[in-house]
Amino acid sequence: MCHTEHKGVNGRNTTLTQPQCQSCHTRSINNFASGHAPFSPNFPYDHPQSIRFDHVSHFGKHFAEPTVADKVPPGRCVGCHVVGQGGRALKPANFETVCAGCHEEGIAKRDLVFFRWPEIATNTIEPADVAKACSAPADAKAATPGVAAPAFSAVSSDPPTALGGFILGVPSDSVADYEKPIQDLARAMITDGAEPLLAAARDRVSSAQTDRLFAGLDTEMTRQATCAWAANQEYAPPTKATLPGWRAEALDLRYTRPGHADPVVKAWIDFVAGVPTPEGSDAQVRLQRARKELLSPDGPGQCAKCHTVSGQPDGTLAVSWKVQFRNAAPQTRFDHRPHLSLLGPEKTCTSCHQLGDETSEVGAKLKPISLATCTECHTASKVRDDCRTCHVYHQDHALKKRMVQDAH
C-alpha cells in the first residue's frame, strides 16, 4: 500500500506521497499552512525544565549591566548553546564556560551550616569534666567550696539547625527537649571528637552515606570546638579558613566555600531529598525543615536556584543535576542544523525563540512557537511541507516486527 515494489531507483523503495498518507488518515490535510492543527499552547516547552533559566531577566537586565559586560558570554544565544552539536535540541555549554563568571562567587558564599551550639537553659556539663578532657582550667569559682556558682548565662540564644536536628533526631524548637541529648553528645565529643557525631548520624544514615556527608571532617578540630561549647564559650579557630571544607567557628560546625558541583553539598541535598516520608508528625516536621534549609534558592551552594526539584510518589524528591531533554513527541522529528545554516545561528534562534515577559511561566520565559512561525518558510511555494517532513511512521521497526509475527 505504501511502498511500490520494483519501481524504485537502485533497489530503493519509492518515496511516499502526500495522497498515500491521506488514504488512511480520515482528517484531510491538504497543506501544512492551512490544514494542520494548531500547536499546543506551550509548544515546544510543554515538559518541565530540568535547569531553571530566565531568559528575560538575563537578556533584559543582567547582560545589559555595564559592570558585568566582560563576563557575559559573547554571541547571545550561540554564546551559551553549543551550535556545533545541533540536532533536535541544542545543549547549553558547561557551567565553567557560561555561568561561572557571574555565579561562582555567589555559590562559594553559601555555606552549609550543619550544627550550631544551641541555647542551653540548664548547664549539666561540669567545668571539671571539660578541664580534664580538654586540658583547660576549670572554673575557679565553681570549684571552690563555699562559693556559690555564678548564675548560668548561655553563650547562645539560637536553636539547633534544622539539618542538625533532623540528623541527630532532636527537636529544634524546644530547649527542654533538646538540651539533654545535645549536652550528652557534647560530653562524648570532648573526648572522642567527631566520632560520636558520626555514630549518631549512622543511626539514620548508612555508613557509606555518612562518609560522603562528612568527608574531610577533622576529628581534632571538632573536639576542640566542642570543648569551647561545653565550657559555654565561642570557638576561635587558630587559623582562618582559606580552602573549601569543614570548619568550626564561633558556635557553628559548617562546610565552607563550596564550589559548583561540590560533592559534600550535593551528598547532603541528595540525602534530604531522598528520605521517604517518615512516620510520626514530629519527624515529618523535622524533615520538611531540613529540606527547606537545604533546598531553598539561597540554600547551601545556591544549588536549588538553578537545579529543579520534583516530588515523587513515595514522598521523596528528585533533583535534576544535569540538563535533561525529554522527547515528548517521539513520532515527530526536528533538526536544528539545516535551520541554523539558512540564516545563520543568531538570526535563526531569535526568529523562532522569542523572549516572553516577566509574567511568563513556560519555556524559561520564551514565547511558545506557533504554527504561523513554521509556515513562514514551510509552504508549498517555498520549503518542503509534506507530512513526512516532521512526522515519523516507522518507529523502532515496530511495523516490521508485527508483520513477521502475523505471517506465522
Protein backbone atom coordinates (compact mmCIF):
# COMPACT_ATOMS: atom_id res chain seq x y z
CA MET A 1 0.00 0.00 0.00
CA CYS A 2 2.85 2.38 0.79
CA HIS A 3 5.96 1.03 -0.94
CA THR A 4 5.51 0.00 -4.57
CA GLU A 5 7.82 -2.88 -5.49
CA HIS A 6 10.28 -2.84 -8.38
CA LYS A 7 9.82 0.84 -9.20
CA GLY A 8 12.48 2.36 -7.04
CA VAL A 9 15.89 3.62 -8.12
CA ASN A 10 18.91 1.39 -7.38
CA GLY A 11 16.79 -1.03 -5.41
CA ARG A 12 15.26 1.57 -3.14
CA ASN A 13 11.56 1.83 -2.36
CA THR A 14 9.68 4.71 -3.87
CA THR A 15 9.14 7.81 -1.74
CA LEU A 16 5.74 8.07 -0.14
CA THR A 17 3.45 10.79 -1.39
CA GLN A 18 1.02 13.01 0.47
CA PRO A 19 -2.06 11.27 -1.03
CA GLN A 20 -0.80 7.91 0.25
CA CYS A 21 -0.78 9.25 3.82
CA GLN A 22 -4.22 10.76 3.27
CA SER A 23 -5.64 7.44 2.08
CA CYS A 24 -5.87 6.22 5.70
CA HIS A 25 -5.90 9.38 7.77
CA THR A 26 -9.50 10.49 7.54
CA ARG A 27 -8.77 14.08 8.57
CA SER A 28 -7.69 15.53 5.28
CA ILE A 29 -4.79 17.99 5.45
CA ASN A 30 -4.36 19.43 2.03
CA ASN A 31 -1.49 21.65 3.05
CA PHE A 32 0.52 22.37 6.16
CA ALA A 33 -0.17 26.12 6.34
CA SER A 34 -3.96 25.96 6.41
CA GLY A 35 -4.86 22.37 7.22
CA HIS A 36 -2.59 21.38 10.10
CA ALA A 37 -3.99 21.57 13.63
CA PRO A 38 -2.62 24.39 15.85
CA PHE A 39 0.38 23.56 18.00
CA SER A 40 -0.15 23.11 21.74
CA PRO A 41 -0.29 26.40 23.70
CA ASN A 42 3.19 25.95 25.21
CA PHE A 43 4.92 24.22 22.30
CA PRO A 44 7.75 23.22 22.42
CA TYR A 45 8.05 23.88 26.15
CA ASP A 46 5.32 21.51 27.37
CA HIS A 47 7.73 19.47 29.51
CA PRO A 48 9.15 20.82 32.79
CA GLN A 49 12.62 22.30 32.84
CA SER A 50 15.49 20.41 34.47
CA ILE A 51 17.52 23.62 34.87
CA ARG A 52 15.91 26.93 35.71
CA PHE A 53 16.94 29.75 33.44
CA ASP A 54 15.18 33.06 32.99
CA HIS A 55 15.99 34.42 29.52
CA VAL A 56 14.05 37.64 30.14
CA SER A 57 15.97 38.70 33.24
CA HIS A 58 19.34 37.67 31.79
CA PHE A 59 18.96 39.45 28.44
CA GLY A 60 16.89 42.37 29.70
CA LYS A 61 18.67 43.09 32.97
CA HIS A 62 21.80 41.13 33.85
CA PHE A 63 23.51 41.08 30.45
CA ALA A 64 22.74 44.78 29.99
CA GLU A 65 24.59 45.72 33.20
CA PRO A 66 27.85 47.52 32.25
CA THR A 67 29.71 46.25 35.33
CA VAL A 68 29.40 42.63 34.18
CA ALA A 69 29.80 43.19 30.44
CA ASP A 70 33.14 41.38 30.41
CA LYS A 71 31.54 38.28 31.97
CA VAL A 72 28.65 37.92 29.52
CA PRO A 73 29.17 35.07 27.00
CA PRO A 74 29.65 36.65 23.56
CA GLY A 75 27.14 35.99 20.82
CA ARG A 76 23.90 35.96 22.81
CA CYS A 77 22.24 32.59 22.05
CA VAL A 78 25.31 30.99 20.50
CA GLY A 79 27.42 32.14 23.43
CA CYS A 80 25.61 29.70 25.71
CA HIS A 81 24.32 26.99 23.38
CA VAL A 82 26.65 24.60 21.55
CA VAL A 83 25.55 25.18 17.98
CA GLY A 84 28.06 22.71 16.54
CA GLN A 85 26.23 19.86 18.30
CA GLY A 86 22.90 20.69 16.71
CA GLY A 87 20.07 18.22 16.42
CA ARG A 88 16.64 18.13 17.93
CA ALA A 89 17.88 20.06 20.98
CA LEU A 90 20.75 22.49 21.34
CA LYS A 91 22.62 21.74 24.53
CA PRO A 92 23.99 24.58 26.64
CA ALA A 93 27.72 24.76 27.29
CA ASN A 94 29.02 23.74 30.71
CA PHE A 95 28.88 25.82 33.89
CA GLU A 96 32.53 26.86 33.75
CA THR A 97 32.09 28.28 30.25
CA VAL A 98 28.90 30.31 30.55
CA CYS A 99 27.83 30.60 34.20
CA ALA A 100 30.89 30.71 36.42
CA GLY A 101 31.85 34.28 35.58
CA CYS A 102 28.81 35.64 37.41
CA HIS A 103 27.65 32.84 39.71
CA GLU A 104 30.73 31.12 41.07
CA GLU A 105 31.37 33.75 43.73
CA GLY A 106 27.79 33.59 45.00
CA ILE A 107 27.93 29.80 45.26
CA ALA A 108 31.05 29.98 47.45
CA LYS A 109 29.33 32.39 49.86
CA ARG A 110 26.53 29.96 50.75
CA ASP A 111 27.96 27.69 53.44
CA LEU A 112 26.29 24.52 54.65
CA VAL A 113 25.74 25.00 58.39
CA PHE A 114 25.25 21.54 59.83
CA PHE A 115 25.40 22.19 63.58
CA ARG A 116 25.02 25.26 65.76
CA TRP A 117 25.57 25.10 69.52
CA PRO A 118 22.12 26.00 70.82
CA GLU A 119 20.73 27.88 73.75
CA ILE A 120 21.03 25.86 76.96
CA ALA A 121 18.82 26.70 79.94
CA THR A 122 20.44 24.37 82.46
CA ASN A 123 24.13 23.53 82.21
CA THR A 124 24.79 19.93 83.23
CA ILE A 125 28.37 19.67 81.97
CA GLU A 126 30.74 20.11 84.91
CA PRO A 127 33.64 22.53 84.31
CA ALA A 128 35.99 19.98 85.87
CA ASP A 129 34.96 17.41 83.25
CA VAL A 130 35.71 19.90 80.49
CA ALA A 131 39.06 20.76 82.06
CA LYS A 132 40.04 17.12 82.38
CA ALA A 133 39.13 16.18 78.80
CA CYS A 134 40.23 19.40 77.14
CA SER A 135 43.34 20.35 79.16
CA ALA A 136 41.64 23.60 80.10
CA PRO A 137 41.48 25.28 83.53
CA ALA A 138 38.32 24.58 85.49
CA ASP A 139 36.06 27.43 86.58
CA ALA A 140 37.65 28.52 89.87
CA LYS A 141 34.50 29.85 91.45
CA ALA A 142 32.51 26.78 90.63
CA ALA A 143 35.21 24.54 92.07
CA THR A 144 35.78 26.48 95.34
CA PRO A 145 33.85 25.08 98.32
CA GLY A 146 31.55 27.54 99.97
CA VAL A 147 31.49 29.89 97.00
CA ALA A 148 28.21 29.99 95.12
CA ALA A 149 28.49 29.37 91.41
CA PRO A 150 27.56 32.37 89.26
CA ALA A 151 24.21 32.38 87.56
CA PHE A 152 24.38 30.47 84.28
CA SER A 153 24.11 32.66 81.18
CA ALA A 154 24.02 30.71 77.92
CA VAL A 155 26.50 31.80 75.28
CA SER A 156 23.98 31.00 72.55
CA SER A 157 20.45 32.22 72.04
CA ASP A 158 19.78 30.14 68.89
CA PRO A 159 18.07 26.77 68.44
CA PRO A 160 19.88 23.89 66.67
CA THR A 161 19.88 24.00 62.89
CA ALA A 162 17.06 22.17 61.17
CA LEU A 163 19.58 19.92 59.42
CA GLY A 164 21.42 19.02 62.61
CA GLY A 165 18.17 18.48 64.46
CA PHE A 166 16.95 16.07 61.78
CA ILE A 167 20.18 14.05 61.63
CA LEU A 168 20.52 13.88 65.42
CA GLY A 169 16.83 13.22 65.91
CA VAL A 170 16.28 16.08 68.36
CA PRO A 171 13.58 18.76 68.30
CA SER A 172 14.84 22.12 67.12
CA ASP A 173 12.34 24.40 68.83
CA SER A 174 12.21 23.34 72.48
CA VAL A 175 15.13 23.87 74.87
CA ALA A 176 13.64 21.45 77.37
CA ASP A 177 13.60 18.69 74.74
CA TYR A 178 16.95 19.20 73.02
CA GLU A 179 19.35 20.39 75.76
CA LYS A 180 19.91 16.98 77.39
CA PRO A 181 20.68 14.98 74.19
CA ILE A 182 22.85 17.84 72.91
CA GLN A 183 24.86 18.00 76.15
CA ASP A 184 25.15 14.21 76.29
CA LEU A 185 26.57 14.31 72.76
CA ALA A 186 28.97 17.09 73.76
CA ARG A 187 30.32 15.03 76.69
CA ALA A 188 31.27 12.28 74.27
CA MET A 189 32.69 14.68 71.67
CA ILE A 190 35.08 16.44 74.09
CA THR A 191 36.76 13.07 74.45
CA ASP A 192 36.31 11.40 71.06
CA GLY A 193 35.95 14.33 68.66
CA ALA A 194 33.76 13.78 65.62
CA GLU A 195 33.20 10.05 66.12
CA PRO A 196 30.13 10.35 68.45
CA LEU A 197 28.61 12.75 65.94
CA LEU A 198 29.18 10.32 63.07
CA ALA A 199 27.84 7.46 65.19
CA ALA A 200 24.64 9.43 65.82
CA ALA A 201 24.33 10.02 62.07
CA ARG A 202 24.82 6.32 61.31
CA ASP A 203 21.66 5.58 63.30
CA ARG A 204 19.74 7.27 60.49
CA VAL A 205 22.10 7.02 57.51
CA SER A 206 24.20 4.19 56.11
CA SER A 207 27.91 4.16 56.90
CA ALA A 208 28.85 4.78 53.25
CA GLN A 209 26.49 7.72 53.04
CA THR A 210 27.75 9.10 56.34
CA ASP A 211 31.29 9.05 54.95
CA ARG A 212 30.16 11.11 51.96
CA LEU A 213 28.21 13.58 54.07
CA PHE A 214 31.11 14.26 56.44
CA ALA A 215 34.01 13.79 54.03
CA GLY A 216 37.01 15.73 55.26
CA LEU A 217 35.66 16.48 58.74
CA ASP A 218 38.65 16.75 61.11
CA THR A 219 38.02 14.99 64.41
CA GLU A 220 40.50 17.06 66.45
CA MET A 221 39.06 20.33 65.21
CA THR A 222 35.60 19.06 66.16
CA ARG A 223 36.84 18.07 69.63
CA GLN A 224 38.42 21.46 70.27
CA ALA A 225 35.30 23.29 69.16
CA THR A 226 33.13 21.11 71.39
CA CYS A 227 35.45 21.81 74.33
CA ALA A 228 34.73 25.51 73.89
CA TRP A 229 30.99 24.98 73.55
CA ALA A 230 30.86 22.68 76.56
CA ALA A 231 32.61 25.42 78.52
CA ASN A 232 29.90 27.83 77.34
CA GLN A 233 32.25 29.72 75.03
CA GLU A 234 32.52 30.52 71.36
CA TYR A 235 35.24 28.65 69.50
CA ALA A 236 38.06 30.68 67.97
CA PRO A 237 39.93 28.66 65.32
CA PRO A 238 43.73 29.00 65.38
CA THR A 239 43.86 29.89 61.66
CA LYS A 240 41.46 31.44 59.17
CA ALA A 241 39.95 29.04 56.64
CA THR A 242 41.02 29.72 53.06
CA LEU A 243 40.11 26.44 51.34
CA PRO A 244 36.75 24.67 50.97
CA GLY A 245 35.93 22.16 53.66
CA TRP A 246 34.60 21.59 57.16
CA ARG A 247 35.27 24.38 59.64
CA ALA A 248 34.31 25.11 63.24
CA GLU A 249 33.93 28.77 64.08
CA ALA A 250 32.14 30.62 66.89
CA LEU A 251 29.11 28.39 67.58
CA ASP A 252 28.92 26.63 64.20
CA LEU A 253 30.19 23.49 62.54
CA ARG A 254 29.89 24.28 58.85
CA TYR A 255 31.09 23.30 55.40
CA THR A 256 32.58 26.45 53.91
CA ARG A 257 33.31 27.85 50.46
CA PRO A 258 31.67 25.15 48.35
CA GLY A 259 32.21 25.26 44.61
CA HIS A 260 29.93 24.26 41.78
CA ALA A 261 29.10 20.53 41.89
CA ASP A 262 30.68 20.26 45.35
CA PRO A 263 30.43 16.56 46.32
CA VAL A 264 29.70 17.17 50.03
CA VAL A 265 26.92 19.71 49.45
CA LYS A 266 25.48 17.51 46.70
CA ALA A 267 25.54 14.49 49.05
CA TRP A 268 23.58 16.42 51.69
CA ILE A 269 20.99 17.62 49.20
CA ASP A 270 20.56 14.15 47.72
CA PHE A 271 20.20 12.77 51.24
CA VAL A 272 17.41 15.07 52.44
CA ALA A 273 15.68 14.81 49.06
CA GLY A 274 15.80 11.01 49.05
CA VAL A 275 14.34 10.41 52.52
CA PRO A 276 10.86 8.82 52.27
CA THR A 277 8.11 10.37 54.33
CA PRO A 278 8.88 9.25 57.91
CA GLU A 279 6.32 8.02 60.41
CA GLY A 280 5.22 10.46 63.06
CA SER A 281 4.30 14.10 62.70
CA ASP A 282 7.39 15.34 64.59
CA ALA A 283 9.78 13.50 62.27
CA GLN A 284 7.89 14.80 59.25
CA VAL A 285 8.15 18.38 60.51
CA ARG A 286 11.90 17.98 61.10
CA LEU A 287 12.36 16.58 57.58
CA GLN A 288 10.43 19.44 55.99
CA ARG A 289 12.51 21.98 57.91
CA ALA A 290 15.74 20.31 56.82
CA ARG A 291 14.57 20.26 53.20
CA LYS A 292 13.62 23.92 53.36
CA GLU A 293 17.05 24.74 54.78
CA LEU A 294 18.93 22.95 52.00
CA LEU A 295 16.59 23.23 49.02
CA SER A 296 15.74 26.92 49.09
CA PRO A 297 17.25 29.03 46.25
CA ASP A 298 19.50 30.73 48.80
CA GLY A 299 20.47 27.45 50.48
CA PRO A 300 23.97 25.93 50.59
CA GLY A 301 25.79 26.50 47.31
CA GLN A 302 22.62 28.06 45.84
CA CYS A 303 22.03 24.68 44.14
CA ALA A 304 18.24 24.93 44.07
CA LYS A 305 18.45 28.33 42.41
CA CYS A 306 19.11 26.54 39.11
CA HIS A 307 18.50 22.81 39.63
CA THR A 308 14.83 21.89 39.76
CA VAL A 309 13.37 19.65 42.45
CA SER A 310 10.31 17.50 41.77
CA GLY A 311 8.18 15.35 44.06
CA GLN A 312 7.94 11.57 43.69
CA PRO A 313 5.01 9.28 44.60
CA ASP A 314 6.80 7.82 47.65
CA GLY A 315 7.35 11.23 49.22
CA THR A 316 10.97 11.57 48.11
CA LEU A 317 12.26 14.38 45.92
CA ALA A 318 14.30 14.16 42.73
CA VAL A 319 16.94 16.79 41.97
CA SER A 320 17.82 17.43 38.32
CA TRP A 321 21.61 17.74 38.44
CA LYS A 322 22.07 17.62 34.66
CA VAL A 323 20.29 19.15 31.69
CA GLN A 324 17.69 16.66 30.53
CA PHE A 325 15.98 16.67 27.15
CA ARG A 326 12.67 14.83 27.15
CA ASN A 327 11.44 13.53 23.82
CA ALA A 328 7.81 14.37 24.41
CA ALA A 329 6.80 13.61 20.79
CA PRO A 330 8.73 10.53 19.60
CA GLN A 331 6.68 10.32 16.39
CA THR A 332 7.98 13.66 15.18
CA ARG A 333 11.44 14.83 14.18
CA PHE A 334 13.24 18.16 14.08
CA ASP A 335 16.83 19.07 13.36
CA HIS A 336 18.26 22.49 14.19
CA ARG A 337 21.21 22.10 11.81
CA PRO A 338 19.53 22.85 8.46
CA HIS A 339 17.60 25.71 10.06
CA LEU A 340 20.76 27.23 11.53
CA SER A 341 22.52 27.06 8.19
CA LEU A 342 19.86 29.09 6.38
CA LEU A 343 20.14 32.50 8.02
CA GLY A 344 22.99 31.98 10.46
CA PRO A 345 22.55 30.84 14.04
CA GLU A 346 21.91 34.19 15.71
CA LYS A 347 19.12 35.35 13.40
CA THR A 348 17.58 31.89 13.21
CA CYS A 349 17.47 31.48 17.02
CA THR A 350 15.59 34.70 17.67
CA SER A 351 13.30 34.22 14.69
CA CYS A 352 11.73 31.17 16.31
CA HIS A 353 12.58 31.53 20.02
CA GLN A 354 11.42 34.97 21.05
CA LEU A 355 11.64 36.45 24.54
CA GLY A 356 8.45 36.46 26.59
CA ASP A 357 7.88 38.77 29.53
CA GLU A 358 8.28 38.68 33.32
CA THR A 359 4.84 37.09 33.77
CA SER A 360 5.58 34.12 31.53
CA GLU A 361 5.97 30.78 33.32
CA VAL A 362 6.89 28.46 30.45
CA GLY A 363 9.94 27.74 28.38
CA ALA A 364 12.35 29.71 30.56
CA LYS A 365 10.21 32.74 29.67
CA LEU A 366 10.41 32.24 25.93
CA LYS A 367 7.30 32.67 23.83
CA PRO A 368 5.76 29.43 22.52
CA ILE A 369 6.33 28.64 18.86
CA SER A 370 3.15 28.73 16.81
CA LEU A 371 2.18 27.13 13.52
CA ALA A 372 2.47 30.55 11.89
CA THR A 373 6.17 30.68 12.73
CA CYS A 374 6.85 27.47 10.79
CA THR A 375 4.64 28.36 7.84
CA GLU A 376 6.69 31.48 7.16
CA CYS A 377 9.03 29.07 5.37
CA HIS A 378 7.22 25.72 5.14
CA THR A 379 4.65 26.29 2.44
CA ALA A 380 4.07 24.70 -0.95
CA SER A 381 5.78 27.57 -2.73
CA LYS A 382 8.88 27.72 -0.51
CA VAL A 383 10.23 24.84 1.61
CA ARG A 384 9.01 21.26 1.79
CA ASP A 385 5.81 20.98 3.84
CA ASP A 386 4.52 17.41 3.44
CA CYS A 387 3.65 15.21 6.42
CA ARG A 388 6.87 13.21 6.32
CA THR A 389 8.93 16.36 6.80
CA CYS A 390 8.18 16.19 10.53
CA HIS A 391 6.21 13.01 11.23
CA VAL A 392 7.78 9.56 11.60
CA TYR A 393 5.87 6.38 10.77
CA HIS A 394 8.33 3.51 11.29
CA GLN A 395 9.25 3.92 14.96
CA ASP A 396 11.73 1.31 16.28
CA HIS A 397 10.78 -1.03 13.43
CA ALA A 398 7.51 -1.87 15.19
CA LEU A 399 5.62 -2.45 11.94
CA LYS A 400 8.14 -5.00 10.65
CA LYS A 401 8.02 -6.99 13.90
CA ARG A 402 4.22 -7.22 13.85
CA MET A 403 4.17 -8.22 10.20
CA VAL A 404 6.60 -11.08 10.85
CA GLN A 405 4.52 -12.31 13.79
CA ASP A 406 1.32 -12.18 11.75
CA ALA A 407 2.92 -14.17 8.93
CA HIS A 408 3.45 -17.12 11.27
